[in-house]
Every structure is written in structure tokens, then in C-alpha cells.
Amino acid sequence: MGSTWLLWAALAALVPIQHALSQTPLWKPEKNVEIIAGVSPGGAQDRTARVIYKVIQDRRLVGSTCSVINKPGGGGTISLAYLNQHTGDAHYLLISSVPILVNHIIGRSPLTFTDFTPIAQLFNEYVAFAVRIDSPLKSGKDLVDQMKQNAVSLSIAVGTTLGNTNHIAVAKVAKTAGVDIRRLKAVVFNSTGDAVTALMGGHVQVVSAPPSNIASQVEAGKLRVIAIAAPSRLPGALSNVPTWKEQGLNVIVASDRGVIGPKGIRRAQITYWENILREVTETEEWKKDLETNFWVANYLRSDDASVYLKALYADLRNSLIELGLAK
């Protein structure tokens, strides 16, 4: 009887210890965390990195220090090479976007999403088509009609390279409308800002670009958005702009933003960052930033993000093959 009681007493004493251990994270950062952006300060990936950083710092979500590190160049290849140097180290996170897929497909980089660890997908940034306010093109239908009549008569500005999301959006519109996409006259600029400036100056007739790069000029009455490659209308200043689907073409194209880590990090580390990023996306600061930039929330955890990126890679590859850009 005495020995049995002692055994139960010992087991009972273990319960609070086991409970405490179950509440203790299996991993947490032990040194400075680098949030890497593959662009210069001010670029879209940089803005995303700095919002994540600010929310983490302001709300003290991570016990260690954090910093935003810019690694611009090579269309994102330099930042990938940098992340690849830190295999197995979950203190390095990179803001990912479509170039990580495109660069591999066109042969610019040997690295793609399968060489890293997808942590989460965060949001979609759908492509807008804009013209000058005095343009004879009043709608997406007008644009398609001119494409059909004479595709090379239209100069369409894109930033920052052929084969990126802006270019693919133009190609998908043309293909869906039955236009030979290789006859399109795409004019490439060093940045989307330069492309928009060229449109305002009358040097090109159309720009394909993220809505955040166009909205201020729309509000100023200088540009008109004639179509959005989104599944539904966007809010705010662009709420009156019809989607391509509303205008008869089922075209949806987005520049996706997510977070990836190095290859070889552990499940506990992935789970830690999944939870942190989920918490970030639920804050008012984050939601306000999405609204300001016309970004549409699309949070996916690691496993779902991997499936999503695999499907997106296949879709982009098909488009780039048709454009003659895939290797």
C-alpha cells in the first residue's frame, strides 16, 4: 500500500512538469534574425520585409534581435545565393516572390524553391493594366480589339524584365484573346516606376504593373486602369475597375509574396516561423499595409505553400515556353 501511494505521488508530481514542457517551444531564435530582401530599400520585397520586421519588433514576438538585410542584384539571384550559404540555420529568412521561380525556368539561376524551405505564403499582388487618361483605349475590350487588329501597333511597358509577372500577364491576355503572343511589343524598363513614367510621358501606350505603382496617378486623374488580372475587384481607388473575367477573358495573374528559409531547417523551426508569421498577418498594422498596397491576403503554412509553389512553377513554365523564354 505504501509503495503504491509513493508511486502515484511521484507520477502526480510529474504532471505539472510535463505540462510545462509541453508549453515550452521546441525551438526559438538564439541570435539575430536576418529578414532578407532581394531588392534595394523601397522595393516591394523590401517593404514587405520592413512591415514584418516592424510588427515583430513593436509586439516583441521574437525574443532575439531582428534586422532587415538588402541583397539586391541579379533579379533576385544574389539574395538566393546568400540564403543558400546558411543551410540548416533558421535565423535567416528571405522574402520570396515569383522571380525565384522564373529565374530558374529561364536559366538565370540554378536555384529555385525546392532548394530552400518554404515557410509561408503571405499575399497576392494582382497585375493591373493602365493607360493615360486621354487614351482612346477605354476598356480591356478596346485593348484586346487593337491587339487583334495589329498587335505590334501597341507598345506595352513592363518592369523589370521579360518573363516576369507583368510580362506574363500581357501574354496571357493576348493568348486568351487568340493573339500571337510572340508578336507583342513589350518594352522593358529598369523599374516599374520607370515604366509608369514612360506611360505618363506618352512614350508607350499601356503599362502592365502592380496596382500600388499606379494608384496615386489614378487618384490624381492622370492614368486610367482598364482591367485587373484578379479573381474579383480590388478595393479603394480601384473598386470601379472591372476584372479581365468581367470583360470576357478568364485571366488571373499575381505576383505572390512569401517567406522561405534555408534548406535543412527542422520541423520545429518551420513551425515556429509559421506561427510567428501567422501572428503578424493577423495584426491591424499588417492588414492596413495590405489595403494600402492593394495586396490580397493569402496566408498558407509551409506544406500548403510548397504545393502552391509547385503548381505556380508549372503554370509559369508553360507561359514562358510559349514566350520562347524557357530553357
Foldseek 3Di string as FASTA:
>chain_A
DVVVVVVVVVVVVCVVVVVVVVVDQPDADDEEAEEEEQADPPDPQNVVSVLLQVLCVVVVVGVYHYDYHYNYDLLSQRVVVVLQVDAQDLSYKYKDKDSLLQCCFLVSHVGHQVQFFFQKWWWWFWKFKKAWLPAPDQAPVSVLVVCVVAQLVFEEEEPDDQLDLLNLLVLLSCVQSVHQSLSHHYDHDNGLLVRVVCRLVVVGGMYIGGVLSCQVCVVVNTMDTREIQDPAFFDDSGNPHYHVVVVPGNGHTTIIIGMIHGHDHDPSSSVSVLVSVVVSCPDPSNVVVCNSRSIGTDIDGRVVVVVVVVVVSVVSSVSCVSNVRGD
